[in-house]
């Protein structure tokens, strides 16, 4: 850590004098247009400064990563030297840490500093100042993690899937206003599609939310531009300003349905090397979402919230995932499909991460073992006869398809109700209709069941909670082993803005309600589903229980951060 004491210029003196004399209203003009006597004859012009705000990441009991990005003035060139300051008081007196960090072209003028030597379970304030122009950032707030028994509870805001084109980031605004200790972001922080692509709706143009650049992002410059656009959002800036974030990537920070060696939305013939695209996407992610890891290909890491929560953030997407299976590829050979699906060699984590996870679970005595997993861990097995209809709805809902799905799901729900009631008149054919089930989403843990069993075995005897995102819908599920034993529970959040199942159901409220009810009945481990609302989970952990509040915003077309709680779940 390098302490920096810049030479006091007339403008610096005037700035501090203005604060002391009540002249704060004069500061914006003073800081963005006046000339420092150290550089005579030069007035800084243009929209310069800390336009993307400030952020903090990866809190520990003794440290925090602080982040910002600086935009040069029109007549300012070269790297920017930024002074950072940390204090336990918003008055910034006394300082507990300070230093300088460079914002350079090599990192798109982002700057991150890992501040050590802080006190556990303590709120801190921080800010940045450009040493040349003297322009200051907003003041950020952050908090270090507790140790031992310091915390009686831990509150985590769980979010994922923010699509800029789909609407306003009201969910981030609600998270900023919450009493969460930290934000767990499970990925899809950005989307790679071009303007007019996925997420676009009738409000996109009026809200001025079309993607930049207008094309699908491929190059490093493209990814950086997209991150800057997302970070221009004032509600996202507010969430970063007030809460420390713990982040992992999912696929859209790279490209849709990515795996270790490729992706559904990458065509080498026209888009070049996937390895190169992965490299630049990785670089941009770390520039805008820094993480405390020495190997930037490995973002799995742990966060210990005293003796309450052992949070294990996973990479279920890039580092070790085998290519997803496609049921359609086995249409004429279902036996081969089941053999491939259940193969013990199929991996989502890769051997190194799997070994690390097993060790981290075994070595923890925390009350709750919590997995930050991008994709659903709970089993989502639906009657096999519904799979073709779900696929057709995904391709484009029509009134006829919706009616057919509703009729078929209703029939199956009636049969399942009779089975659960022990009705002796249920025929073998009827029973087979509701017990012949297959996973609908092979991009989730359902596509890697053998490895899921290994995770459950590693967590045996411990209180396990999975936090998941990815689907744009909210779920609460039991986690059960292949033999039906309960291994834990899953709290899976809705999206910040990306559309959920309501898009498949043409926004029909009756169809949505029927879909939620039938799935909760037909999927054995599913306890709750919300298929249409945007929101986040506030997960609260105490020595006695883990509680998930499923909080939803009213909509995305006008700014409104008021939330309603659709369901509260308590796991003891």
Protein backbone atom coordinates (compact mmCIF):
# COMPACT_ATOMS: atom_id res chain seq x y z
CA UNK A 1 0.00 0.00 0.00
CA UNK A 2 1.55 3.29 -1.02
CA UNK A 3 0.63 6.43 0.91
CA UNK A 4 0.47 9.46 -1.36
CA UNK A 5 0.56 13.09 -0.30
CA UNK A 6 0.19 15.30 -3.40
CA UNK A 7 1.43 18.88 -3.45
CA UNK A 8 -1.35 21.22 -2.32
CA UNK A 9 -2.34 23.54 -5.16
CA UNK A 10 -4.50 26.65 -4.99
CA UNK A 11 -7.44 24.72 -6.43
CA UNK A 12 -7.11 21.93 -3.85
CA UNK A 13 -7.06 24.57 -1.11
CA UNK A 14 -10.11 26.32 -2.54
CA UNK A 15 -11.97 22.99 -2.83
CA UNK A 16 -11.48 22.19 0.85
CA UNK A 17 -12.26 25.77 1.86
CA UNK A 18 -15.53 25.58 -0.09
CA UNK A 19 -16.57 22.52 1.85
CA UNK A 20 -15.77 24.13 5.20
CA UNK A 21 -17.57 27.38 4.39
CA UNK A 22 -20.79 25.81 3.11
CA UNK A 23 -19.97 26.45 -0.54
CA UNK A 24 -20.56 22.82 -1.60
CA UNK A 25 -22.88 23.82 -4.45
CA UNK A 26 -19.93 25.42 -6.22
CA UNK A 27 -17.89 22.23 -6.27
CA UNK A 28 -19.13 20.47 -9.46
CA UNK A 29 -18.17 23.39 -11.69
CA UNK A 30 -14.99 23.96 -9.76
CA UNK A 31 -13.87 20.37 -10.09
CA UNK A 32 -14.66 19.89 -13.77
CA UNK A 33 -13.71 23.14 -15.42
CA UNK A 34 -11.09 24.98 -13.38
CA UNK A 35 -7.36 24.86 -13.85
CA UNK A 36 -4.87 23.67 -11.30
CA UNK A 37 -2.04 26.19 -10.85
CA UNK A 38 0.38 23.30 -11.28
CA UNK A 39 -0.61 23.15 -14.98
CA UNK A 40 -1.00 26.79 -16.09
CA UNK A 41 -3.02 27.56 -19.18
CA UNK A 42 -4.94 24.26 -19.33
CA UNK A 43 -8.69 23.96 -18.71
CA UNK A 44 -10.06 20.42 -18.60
CA UNK A 45 -13.08 20.00 -20.87
CA UNK A 46 -15.65 17.36 -21.71
CA UNK A 47 -17.55 14.73 -19.75
CA UNK A 48 -14.62 13.42 -17.73
CA UNK A 49 -14.44 11.79 -14.35
CA UNK A 50 -15.72 8.63 -12.67
CA UNK A 51 -18.67 8.05 -14.98
CA UNK A 52 -19.14 4.37 -14.04
CA UNK A 53 -19.15 5.08 -10.32
CA UNK A 54 -17.34 2.97 -7.73
CA UNK A 55 -17.66 -0.60 -6.51
CA UNK A 56 -16.27 -3.08 -4.00
CA UNK A 57 -15.74 -6.80 -4.44
CA UNK A 58 -14.72 -9.98 -2.64
CA UNK A 59 -14.93 -8.89 1.00
CA UNK A 60 -12.91 -10.83 3.55
CA UNK A 61 -12.52 -10.32 7.28
CA UNK A 62 -9.45 -8.16 6.69
CA UNK A 63 -9.72 -6.79 3.16
CA UNK A 64 -11.81 -5.61 0.23
CA UNK A 65 -11.21 -4.94 -3.46
CA UNK A 66 -12.11 -1.36 -4.45
CA UNK A 67 -12.88 -0.52 -8.08
CA UNK A 68 -13.52 2.45 -10.32
CA UNK A 69 -13.08 3.61 -13.90
CA UNK A 70 -11.83 7.01 -15.02
CA UNK A 71 -12.72 8.79 -18.26
CA UNK A 72 -10.16 11.36 -19.43
CA UNK A 73 -11.05 14.91 -20.29
CA UNK A 74 -11.04 15.76 -24.00
CA UNK A 75 -7.69 17.50 -23.58
CA UNK A 76 -6.24 15.04 -21.07
CA UNK A 77 -4.03 12.22 -22.28
CA UNK A 78 -2.16 9.28 -20.85
CA UNK A 79 -2.73 7.17 -17.78
CA UNK A 80 -4.59 8.52 -14.78
CA UNK A 81 -3.12 8.43 -11.29
CA UNK A 82 -5.94 7.90 -8.83
CA UNK A 83 -5.74 8.42 -5.11
CA UNK A 84 -7.97 6.13 -3.04
CA UNK A 85 -8.98 6.62 0.55
CA UNK A 86 -10.73 4.38 3.08
CA UNK A 87 -12.20 5.43 6.41
CA UNK A 88 -14.57 4.14 9.06
CA UNK A 89 -16.39 7.48 8.94
CA UNK A 90 -18.07 9.27 6.04
CA UNK A 91 -16.11 12.36 7.10
CA UNK A 92 -12.92 10.50 6.07
CA UNK A 93 -11.13 11.51 9.22
CA UNK A 94 -9.07 9.72 10.18
CA UNK A 95 -8.15 7.60 7.17
CA UNK A 96 -7.52 3.92 7.85
CA UNK A 97 -5.90 3.27 4.46
CA UNK A 98 -4.95 5.22 1.37
CA UNK A 99 -2.69 5.06 -1.65
CA UNK A 100 -2.54 5.49 -5.39
CA UNK A 101 -3.45 3.25 -8.29
CA UNK A 102 -3.09 3.78 -12.04
CA UNK A 103 -5.98 3.62 -14.51
CA UNK A 104 -4.39 2.70 -17.82
CA UNK A 105 -5.38 2.00 -21.40
CA UNK A 106 -4.30 -1.61 -20.85
CA UNK A 107 -7.25 -2.11 -18.49
CA UNK A 108 -9.70 0.22 -20.29
CA UNK A 109 -8.93 2.80 -17.59
CA UNK A 110 -10.45 0.63 -14.88
CA UNK A 111 -8.57 0.47 -11.61
CA UNK A 112 -8.78 -2.02 -8.76
CA UNK A 113 -6.90 -2.16 -5.48
CA UNK A 114 -7.05 -4.93 -2.89
CA UNK A 115 -6.99 -3.13 0.46
CA UNK A 116 -5.55 -5.22 3.33
CA UNK A 117 -5.37 -4.66 7.07
CA UNK A 118 -9.01 -3.83 7.75
CA UNK A 119 -11.08 -4.76 10.80
CA UNK A 120 -13.57 -7.63 10.62
CA UNK A 121 -17.33 -7.02 10.54
CA UNK A 122 -16.87 -3.28 9.99
CA UNK A 123 -18.51 -0.80 7.65
CA UNK A 124 -16.12 1.37 5.63
CA UNK A 125 -16.38 4.36 3.32
CA UNK A 126 -14.14 4.86 0.32
CA UNK A 127 -13.56 7.23 -2.59
CA UNK A 128 -11.21 7.97 -5.48
CA UNK A 129 -9.71 11.25 -6.72
CA UNK A 130 -7.83 11.97 -9.93
CA UNK A 131 -4.55 13.56 -8.93
CA UNK A 132 -4.29 15.65 -12.10
CA UNK A 133 -7.81 17.08 -12.44
CA UNK A 134 -8.74 16.70 -8.74
CA UNK A 135 -12.19 15.40 -9.71
CA UNK A 136 -13.60 13.06 -7.06
CA UNK A 137 -15.79 9.98 -7.24
CA UNK A 138 -18.94 9.42 -5.27
CA UNK A 139 -18.41 7.93 -1.83
CA UNK A 140 -18.79 4.18 -1.69
CA UNK A 141 -19.81 2.04 1.26
CA UNK A 142 -18.67 -1.50 1.95
CA UNK A 143 -18.32 -4.01 4.78
CA UNK A 144 -15.81 -6.63 5.82
CA UNK A 145 -16.85 -10.16 6.78
CA UNK A 146 -17.37 -11.27 10.38
CA UNK A 147 -15.20 -13.81 12.13
CA UNK A 148 -16.18 -16.42 14.68
CA UNK A 149 -19.44 -15.51 16.39
CA UNK A 150 -19.37 -11.80 15.49
CA UNK A 151 -22.49 -12.00 13.33
CA UNK A 152 -25.85 -13.21 14.61
CA UNK A 153 -27.10 -13.26 11.02
CA UNK A 154 -25.82 -12.96 7.46
CA UNK A 155 -27.98 -11.41 4.75
CA UNK A 156 -27.18 -12.03 1.09
CA UNK A 157 -28.99 -10.48 -1.88
CA UNK A 158 -28.94 -13.10 -4.64
CA UNK A 159 -29.23 -11.87 -8.23
CA UNK A 160 -28.56 -12.97 -11.81
CA UNK A 161 -29.45 -12.36 -15.45
CA UNK A 162 -29.57 -8.64 -16.19
CA UNK A 163 -30.40 -7.83 -19.81
CA UNK A 164 -30.02 -4.12 -20.61
CA UNK A 165 -32.44 -4.30 -23.55
CA UNK A 166 -35.20 -5.97 -21.51
CA UNK A 167 -35.94 -3.02 -19.25
CA UNK A 168 -34.84 -0.90 -16.32
CA UNK A 169 -32.66 -2.37 -13.59
CA UNK A 170 -35.23 -1.76 -10.83
CA UNK A 171 -34.10 -4.96 -9.13
CA UNK A 172 -30.62 -3.52 -8.63
CA UNK A 173 -32.20 -0.39 -7.20
CA UNK A 174 -34.19 -2.51 -4.75
CA UNK A 175 -31.05 -4.42 -3.76
CA UNK A 176 -29.24 -1.12 -3.11
CA UNK A 177 -32.06 -0.07 -0.78
CA UNK A 178 -32.13 -3.42 1.06
CA UNK A 179 -30.35 -4.35 4.28
CA UNK A 180 -28.27 -7.04 2.59
CA UNK A 181 -24.72 -7.38 3.87
CA UNK A 182 -23.42 -8.39 0.43
CA UNK A 183 -24.65 -9.17 -3.08
CA UNK A 184 -24.09 -12.61 -4.59
CA UNK A 185 -24.19 -12.24 -8.37
CA UNK A 186 -24.54 -15.63 -10.08
CA UNK A 187 -23.78 -14.49 -13.59
CA UNK A 188 -25.20 -13.18 -16.86
CA UNK A 189 -24.12 -9.74 -15.70
CA UNK A 190 -24.16 -8.73 -19.38
CA UNK A 191 -25.56 -10.30 -22.56
CA UNK A 192 -23.58 -10.70 -25.75
CA UNK A 193 -26.37 -10.27 -28.31
CA UNK A 194 -26.60 -7.28 -30.62
CA UNK A 195 -29.18 -4.50 -30.72
CA UNK A 196 -32.59 -5.89 -31.59
CA UNK A 197 -31.59 -9.35 -30.39
CA UNK A 198 -32.55 -11.26 -27.27
CA UNK A 199 -34.23 -9.14 -24.60
CA UNK A 200 -35.58 -6.53 -27.01
CA UNK A 201 -39.23 -5.60 -26.42
CA UNK A 202 -41.58 -2.73 -27.32
CA UNK A 203 -40.16 -0.54 -24.54
CA UNK A 204 -36.50 -0.93 -25.51
CA UNK A 205 -36.43 2.02 -27.92
CA UNK A 206 -38.40 4.42 -25.73
CA UNK A 207 -36.15 3.61 -22.78
CA UNK A 208 -33.04 4.03 -24.98
CA UNK A 209 -31.81 0.57 -23.92
CA UNK A 210 -30.59 -0.85 -27.26
CA UNK A 211 -27.30 -2.67 -26.93
CA UNK A 212 -23.96 -1.01 -27.67
CA UNK A 213 -22.17 -1.88 -29.82
CA UNK A 214 -25.09 -2.69 -32.09
CA UNK A 215 -23.53 -5.99 -33.18
CA UNK A 216 -22.95 -9.16 -31.19
CA UNK A 217 -19.82 -8.68 -29.10
CA UNK A 218 -16.74 -10.61 -30.25
CA UNK A 219 -13.63 -8.49 -29.69
CA UNK A 220 -12.09 -7.07 -26.52
CA UNK A 221 -13.26 -3.60 -27.57
CA UNK A 222 -16.79 -4.95 -28.00
CA UNK A 223 -16.91 -6.55 -24.56
CA UNK A 224 -15.53 -3.42 -22.92
CA UNK A 225 -18.11 -1.23 -24.64
CA UNK A 226 -20.91 -3.51 -23.46
CA UNK A 227 -19.67 -3.48 -19.85
CA UNK A 228 -19.42 0.30 -19.93
CA UNK A 229 -22.99 0.50 -21.19
CA UNK A 230 -24.31 -1.73 -18.42
CA UNK A 231 -22.30 0.15 -15.80
CA UNK A 232 -23.76 3.43 -17.04
CA UNK A 233 -27.05 2.35 -15.47
CA UNK A 234 -27.63 4.49 -12.36
CA UNK A 235 -29.43 1.77 -10.40
CA UNK A 236 -26.64 -0.73 -10.99
CA UNK A 237 -24.14 1.97 -9.99
CA UNK A 238 -26.11 2.56 -6.80
CA UNK A 239 -26.05 -1.13 -5.89
CA UNK A 240 -22.29 -1.27 -6.44
CA UNK A 241 -21.79 1.95 -4.51
CA UNK A 242 -23.58 0.67 -1.41
CA UNK A 243 -22.95 -3.11 -1.33
CA UNK A 244 -19.91 -5.35 -1.76
CA UNK A 245 -20.41 -7.81 -4.64
CA UNK A 246 -19.29 -11.43 -4.87
CA UNK A 247 -19.49 -12.44 -8.53
CA UNK A 248 -19.10 -15.40 -10.84
CA UNK A 249 -19.70 -15.52 -14.56
CA UNK A 250 -22.26 -17.63 -16.39
CA UNK A 251 -22.46 -18.07 -20.15
CA UNK A 252 -23.51 -14.66 -21.47
CA UNK A 253 -20.38 -12.95 -20.18
CA UNK A 254 -18.85 -15.18 -22.86
CA UNK A 255 -21.64 -16.39 -25.20
CA UNK A 256 -24.79 -18.47 -24.92
CA UNK A 257 -24.56 -22.06 -23.63
CA UNK A 258 -20.79 -21.99 -23.36
CA UNK A 259 -18.74 -24.94 -22.18
CA UNK A 260 -15.02 -25.57 -21.84
CA UNK A 261 -14.33 -25.85 -25.57
CA UNK A 262 -17.11 -23.99 -27.36
CA UNK A 263 -20.62 -22.57 -27.22
CA UNK A 264 -23.99 -22.77 -28.91
CA UNK A 265 -23.70 -19.12 -29.90
CA UNK A 266 -20.22 -19.25 -31.38
CA UNK A 267 -19.52 -20.19 -34.99
CA UNK A 268 -15.77 -20.47 -35.66
CA UNK A 269 -16.27 -20.13 -39.42
CA UNK A 270 -17.58 -16.57 -39.05
CA UNK A 271 -16.58 -15.54 -35.52
CA UNK A 272 -13.04 -16.86 -35.29
CA UNK A 273 -11.37 -18.81 -32.54
CA UNK A 274 -13.49 -19.60 -29.49
CA UNK A 275 -10.35 -19.65 -27.35
CA UNK A 276 -9.59 -16.07 -28.41
CA UNK A 277 -13.15 -14.98 -27.71
CA UNK A 278 -12.97 -16.67 -24.32
CA UNK A 279 -9.67 -14.92 -23.60
CA UNK A 280 -10.93 -11.40 -24.32
CA UNK A 281 -14.25 -12.03 -22.53
CA UNK A 282 -12.28 -13.18 -19.49
CA UNK A 283 -10.08 -10.08 -19.63
CA UNK A 284 -13.03 -7.71 -19.79
CA UNK A 285 -14.81 -9.55 -16.94
CA UNK A 286 -11.83 -9.07 -14.63
CA UNK A 287 -11.46 -5.44 -15.66
CA UNK A 288 -15.02 -4.66 -14.58
CA UNK A 289 -15.68 -7.40 -11.97
CA UNK A 290 -12.39 -8.04 -10.17
CA UNK A 291 -12.06 -11.16 -8.04
CA UNK A 292 -9.44 -12.22 -5.55
CA UNK A 293 -7.85 -15.07 -7.48
CA UNK A 294 -4.32 -15.61 -8.71
CA UNK A 295 -5.36 -17.64 -11.77
CA UNK A 296 -7.88 -15.74 -13.86
CA UNK A 297 -9.18 -18.92 -15.45
CA UNK A 298 -10.30 -20.16 -12.03
CA UNK A 299 -12.93 -18.12 -10.20
CA UNK A 300 -14.12 -20.78 -7.74
CA UNK A 301 -13.36 -19.47 -4.26
CA UNK A 302 -14.73 -19.35 -0.72
CA UNK A 303 -16.05 -16.67 1.62
CA UNK A 304 -16.34 -17.37 5.33
CA UNK A 305 -18.97 -15.37 7.20
CA UNK A 306 -17.78 -16.25 10.68
CA UNK A 307 -19.08 -19.57 11.92
CA UNK A 308 -22.43 -19.14 10.17
CA UNK A 309 -21.87 -19.41 6.41
CA UNK A 310 -19.24 -21.08 4.28
CA UNK A 311 -20.03 -19.60 0.86
CA UNK A 312 -18.47 -21.58 -1.99
CA UNK A 313 -18.68 -19.80 -5.32
CA UNK A 314 -18.46 -22.22 -8.25
CA UNK A 315 -17.69 -22.06 -11.94
CA UNK A 316 -20.22 -24.43 -13.49
CA UNK A 317 -19.74 -22.92 -16.95
CA UNK A 318 -16.22 -22.48 -18.32
CA UNK A 319 -13.43 -24.17 -16.41
CA UNK A 320 -14.52 -27.80 -16.57
CA UNK A 321 -17.93 -28.24 -18.19
CA UNK A 322 -18.36 -30.94 -20.84
CA UNK A 323 -20.56 -30.03 -23.78
CA UNK A 324 -24.27 -30.16 -23.04
CA UNK A 325 -26.25 -33.15 -24.27
CA UNK A 326 -29.14 -32.65 -26.68
CA UNK A 327 -32.13 -34.96 -26.33
CA UNK A 328 -33.01 -34.42 -29.99
CA UNK A 329 -29.69 -35.98 -30.98
CA UNK A 330 -30.86 -39.24 -29.41
CA UNK A 331 -34.46 -39.16 -30.65
CA UNK A 332 -34.22 -42.65 -32.16
CA UNK A 333 -32.09 -44.14 -29.39
CA UNK A 334 -33.34 -43.18 -25.89
CA UNK A 335 -31.24 -45.91 -24.27
CA UNK A 336 -28.07 -44.31 -25.63
CA UNK A 337 -29.23 -40.96 -24.29
CA UNK A 338 -29.71 -42.31 -20.78
CA UNK A 339 -26.33 -44.02 -20.92
CA UNK A 340 -24.62 -40.76 -21.97
CA UNK A 341 -26.55 -38.72 -19.41
CA UNK A 342 -25.67 -40.91 -16.45
CA UNK A 343 -22.04 -41.49 -17.41
CA UNK A 344 -19.73 -41.08 -14.43
CA UNK A 345 -17.25 -39.25 -16.65
CA UNK A 346 -19.57 -36.32 -17.42
CA UNK A 347 -18.34 -33.24 -15.60
CA UNK A 348 -19.54 -29.73 -14.95
CA UNK A 349 -16.81 -28.74 -12.50
CA UNK A 350 -13.69 -30.44 -13.82
CA UNK A 351 -11.37 -32.53 -11.58
CA UNK A 352 -9.48 -29.63 -9.95
CA UNK A 353 -12.58 -27.71 -8.94
CA UNK A 354 -14.35 -30.88 -7.79
CA UNK A 355 -11.40 -31.75 -5.54
CA UNK A 356 -11.26 -28.18 -4.18
CA UNK A 357 -15.01 -28.24 -3.43
CA UNK A 358 -14.83 -31.55 -1.60
CA UNK A 359 -11.96 -30.25 0.53
CA UNK A 360 -13.70 -26.95 1.25
CA UNK A 361 -16.85 -28.75 2.39
CA UNK A 362 -14.96 -31.26 4.51
CA UNK A 363 -12.83 -28.61 6.18
CA UNK A 364 -15.63 -26.28 7.21
CA UNK A 365 -17.42 -26.27 10.56
CA UNK A 366 -19.75 -23.41 9.58
CA UNK A 367 -23.44 -23.91 10.32
CA UNK A 368 -24.42 -23.55 6.63
CA UNK A 369 -22.59 -24.78 3.56
CA UNK A 370 -23.80 -22.53 0.73
CA UNK A 371 -23.04 -23.13 -2.95
CA UNK A 372 -23.12 -20.23 -5.38
CA UNK A 373 -23.97 -22.23 -8.50
CA UNK A 374 -24.88 -20.51 -11.75
CA UNK A 375 -27.42 -23.17 -12.81
CA UNK A 376 -30.18 -25.13 -11.08
CA UNK A 377 -29.00 -28.01 -8.93
CA UNK A 378 -32.48 -29.32 -8.06
CA UNK A 379 -34.02 -32.02 -10.24
CA UNK A 380 -36.47 -30.68 -12.81
CA UNK A 381 -37.83 -33.94 -14.21
CA UNK A 382 -41.12 -33.47 -16.05
CA UNK A 383 -43.37 -36.06 -17.73
CA UNK A 384 -41.62 -37.04 -20.93
CA UNK A 385 -44.71 -36.46 -23.03
CA UNK A 386 -44.59 -32.73 -22.21
CA UNK A 387 -41.06 -32.21 -23.54
CA UNK A 388 -42.04 -31.84 -27.23
CA UNK A 389 -44.70 -29.28 -26.30
CA UNK A 390 -42.26 -27.28 -24.17
CA UNK A 391 -39.82 -27.24 -27.10
CA UNK A 392 -42.53 -26.01 -29.45
CA UNK A 393 -43.56 -23.27 -27.02
CA UNK A 394 -39.93 -22.17 -26.77
CA UNK A 395 -39.82 -21.87 -30.57
CA UNK A 396 -42.91 -19.65 -30.57
CA UNK A 397 -46.11 -19.79 -28.49
CA UNK A 398 -49.46 -19.88 -30.29
CA UNK A 399 -53.00 -20.06 -28.85
CA UNK A 400 -53.32 -23.62 -30.15
CA UNK A 401 -50.07 -24.71 -28.50
CA UNK A 402 -50.99 -23.03 -25.22
CA UNK A 403 -54.37 -24.76 -25.23
CA UNK A 404 -52.78 -28.12 -25.99
CA UNK A 405 -50.19 -27.71 -23.24
CA UNK A 406 -52.84 -26.64 -20.72
CA UNK A 407 -55.08 -29.60 -21.52
CA UNK A 408 -52.25 -32.12 -21.34
CA UNK A 409 -50.76 -30.68 -18.15
CA UNK A 410 -54.19 -30.66 -16.53
CA UNK A 411 -54.70 -34.34 -17.38
CA UNK A 412 -51.32 -35.24 -15.92
CA UNK A 413 -51.94 -33.14 -12.81
CA UNK A 414 -55.20 -34.98 -12.13
CA UNK A 415 -53.46 -38.32 -12.48
CA UNK A 416 -50.58 -37.22 -10.22
CA UNK A 417 -53.08 -36.05 -7.57
CA UNK A 418 -54.78 -39.43 -7.66
CA UNK A 419 -51.41 -41.21 -7.37
CA UNK A 420 -50.42 -39.11 -4.36
CA UNK A 421 -53.80 -39.81 -2.75
CA UNK A 422 -53.30 -43.55 -3.17
CA UNK A 423 -56.22 -43.96 -5.54
CA UNK A 424 -56.38 -47.73 -6.30
CA UNK A 425 -58.13 -47.09 -9.64
CA UNK A 426 -55.04 -45.48 -11.21
CA UNK A 427 -54.08 -47.69 -14.14
CA UNK A 428 -50.57 -48.75 -15.03
CA UNK A 429 -50.77 -46.64 -18.17
CA UNK A 430 -51.82 -43.57 -16.21
CA UNK A 431 -49.12 -44.11 -13.63
CA UNK A 432 -46.51 -44.42 -16.37
CA UNK A 433 -47.57 -41.05 -17.81
CA UNK A 434 -46.52 -39.23 -14.62
CA UNK A 435 -43.58 -41.41 -13.63
CA UNK A 436 -41.86 -41.55 -17.01
CA UNK A 437 -39.92 -38.33 -16.57
CA UNK A 438 -36.92 -36.61 -18.11
CA UNK A 439 -35.02 -33.41 -17.29
CA UNK A 440 -36.20 -30.47 -19.36
CA UNK A 441 -32.98 -28.46 -18.99
CA UNK A 442 -29.77 -30.32 -19.80
CA UNK A 443 -27.74 -27.11 -19.43
CA UNK A 444 -28.32 -27.33 -15.66
CA UNK A 445 -27.03 -29.87 -13.10
CA UNK A 446 -29.71 -32.23 -14.48
CA UNK A 447 -27.38 -32.73 -17.44
CA UNK A 448 -24.56 -33.88 -15.11
CA UNK A 449 -26.29 -36.11 -12.52
CA UNK A 450 -23.32 -38.31 -11.58
CA UNK A 451 -21.23 -35.32 -10.58
CA UNK A 452 -24.16 -33.87 -8.64
CA UNK A 453 -24.20 -37.09 -6.61
CA UNK A 454 -20.51 -36.58 -5.82
CA UNK A 455 -21.25 -33.10 -4.49
CA UNK A 456 -24.07 -34.42 -2.32
CA UNK A 457 -21.77 -37.13 -0.97
CA UNK A 458 -19.11 -34.53 -0.12
CA UNK A 459 -21.71 -32.48 1.78
CA UNK A 460 -23.24 -35.43 3.61
CA UNK A 461 -24.11 -34.60 7.21
CA UNK A 462 -23.90 -30.85 6.63
CA UNK A 463 -26.62 -28.26 6.13
CA UNK A 464 -26.45 -27.56 2.39
CA UNK A 465 -28.08 -24.68 0.53
CA UNK A 466 -27.69 -24.11 -3.20
CA UNK A 467 -28.09 -20.56 -4.53
CA UNK A 468 -28.78 -20.57 -8.27
CA UNK A 469 -29.74 -18.27 -11.13
CA UNK A 470 -29.70 -18.65 -14.92
CA UNK A 471 -33.35 -19.56 -15.61
CA UNK A 472 -34.95 -16.08 -15.16
CA UNK A 473 -37.55 -17.70 -12.90
CA UNK A 474 -37.74 -18.20 -9.13
CA UNK A 475 -37.62 -21.68 -7.61
CA UNK A 476 -37.49 -23.40 -4.26
CA UNK A 477 -36.62 -27.08 -4.42
CA UNK A 478 -35.58 -29.94 -2.21
CA UNK A 479 -32.19 -31.33 -3.11
CA UNK A 480 -32.44 -35.11 -3.19
CA UNK A 481 -29.99 -37.86 -4.02
CA UNK A 482 -30.52 -40.56 -6.62
CA UNK A 483 -31.93 -42.76 -3.86
CA UNK A 484 -34.40 -40.07 -2.75
CA UNK A 485 -32.62 -38.92 0.40
CA UNK A 486 -32.79 -35.22 1.15
CA UNK A 487 -29.39 -33.53 0.75
CA UNK A 488 -30.43 -29.90 1.26
CA UNK A 489 -32.46 -27.14 -0.37
CA UNK A 490 -32.16 -24.75 -3.28
CA UNK A 491 -33.05 -21.05 -3.37
CA UNK A 492 -32.99 -20.02 -7.05
CA UNK A 493 -33.59 -16.39 -7.95
CA UNK A 494 -35.56 -14.81 -10.74
CA UNK A 495 -33.81 -12.41 -13.12
CA UNK A 496 -32.96 -8.74 -12.85
CA UNK A 497 -34.61 -8.13 -16.23
CA UNK A 498 -34.31 -11.10 -18.62
CA UNK A 499 -37.69 -12.59 -19.61
CA UNK A 500 -38.84 -15.80 -17.93
CA UNK A 501 -41.38 -18.49 -18.77
CA UNK A 502 -44.03 -15.83 -19.34
CA UNK A 503 -42.45 -15.32 -22.75
CA UNK A 504 -43.19 -18.97 -23.61
CA UNK A 505 -46.75 -18.52 -22.36
CA UNK A 506 -47.42 -15.32 -24.35
CA UNK A 507 -47.90 -13.36 -21.12
CA UNK A 508 -51.25 -15.07 -20.50
CA UNK A 509 -51.90 -14.78 -16.75
CA UNK A 510 -54.17 -17.83 -16.66
CA UNK A 511 -51.65 -19.94 -18.55
CA UNK A 512 -48.83 -18.74 -16.28
CA UNK A 513 -50.76 -19.63 -13.11
CA UNK A 514 -51.63 -23.05 -14.51
CA UNK A 515 -48.01 -23.62 -15.54
CA UNK A 516 -46.76 -22.79 -12.03
CA UNK A 517 -49.31 -25.04 -10.34
CA UNK A 518 -48.86 -28.02 -12.64
CA UNK A 519 -45.07 -27.91 -12.44
CA UNK A 520 -45.12 -27.73 -8.64
CA UNK A 521 -47.31 -30.85 -8.66
CA UNK A 522 -45.63 -32.82 -11.44
CA UNK A 523 -41.99 -32.15 -10.42
CA UNK A 524 -41.41 -34.13 -7.24
CA UNK A 525 -38.72 -31.95 -5.64
CA UNK A 526 -40.17 -28.58 -6.63
CA UNK A 527 -41.83 -26.64 -3.81
CA UNK A 528 -42.33 -23.22 -5.41
CA UNK A 529 -42.11 -21.62 -8.84
CA UNK A 530 -42.73 -18.06 -9.98
CA UNK A 531 -42.65 -18.03 -13.77
CA UNK A 532 -43.29 -14.39 -14.60
CA UNK A 533 -41.83 -11.80 -12.20
CA UNK A 534 -38.45 -10.10 -11.96
CA UNK A 535 -36.69 -9.87 -8.64
CA UNK A 536 -34.07 -11.16 -6.22
CA UNK A 537 -33.77 -13.34 -3.14
CA UNK A 538 -32.83 -11.99 0.25
CA UNK A 539 -31.28 -15.04 1.92
CA UNK A 540 -30.83 -14.69 5.68
CA UNK A 541 -28.75 -17.19 7.64
CA UNK A 542 -28.79 -17.57 11.42
CA UNK A 543 -27.71 -20.37 13.72
CA UNK A 544 -31.28 -21.61 13.73
CA UNK A 545 -32.41 -21.38 10.11
CA UNK A 546 -31.93 -20.20 6.55
CA UNK A 547 -34.69 -17.99 5.19
CA UNK A 548 -35.31 -17.02 1.57
CA UNK A 549 -37.53 -14.03 0.80
CA UNK A 550 -38.51 -14.01 -2.88
CA UNK A 551 -38.81 -10.29 -3.59
CA UNK A 552 -40.28 -8.90 -6.83
CA UNK A 553 -40.48 -5.48 -8.44
CA UNK A 554 -43.68 -4.26 -10.10
CA UNK A 555 -42.25 -3.86 -13.60
CA UNK A 556 -39.35 -2.63 -15.71
CA UNK A 557 -40.78 0.22 -17.80
CA UNK A 558 -40.73 2.95 -15.16
CA UNK A 559 -38.30 3.44 -12.31
CA UNK A 560 -39.76 1.87 -9.19
CA UNK A 561 -37.76 -0.05 -6.59
CA UNK A 562 -40.67 -1.01 -4.32
CA UNK A 563 -40.82 -4.78 -3.87
CA UNK A 564 -43.39 -7.29 -2.74
CA UNK A 565 -42.51 -10.63 -1.18
CA UNK A 566 -44.06 -13.46 -3.16
CA UNK A 567 -42.92 -16.29 -0.92
CA UNK A 568 -40.89 -16.75 2.26
CA UNK A 569 -39.19 -20.10 2.78
CA UNK A 570 -37.56 -21.25 6.01
CA UNK A 571 -35.08 -24.13 6.20
CA UNK A 572 -34.14 -25.31 9.69
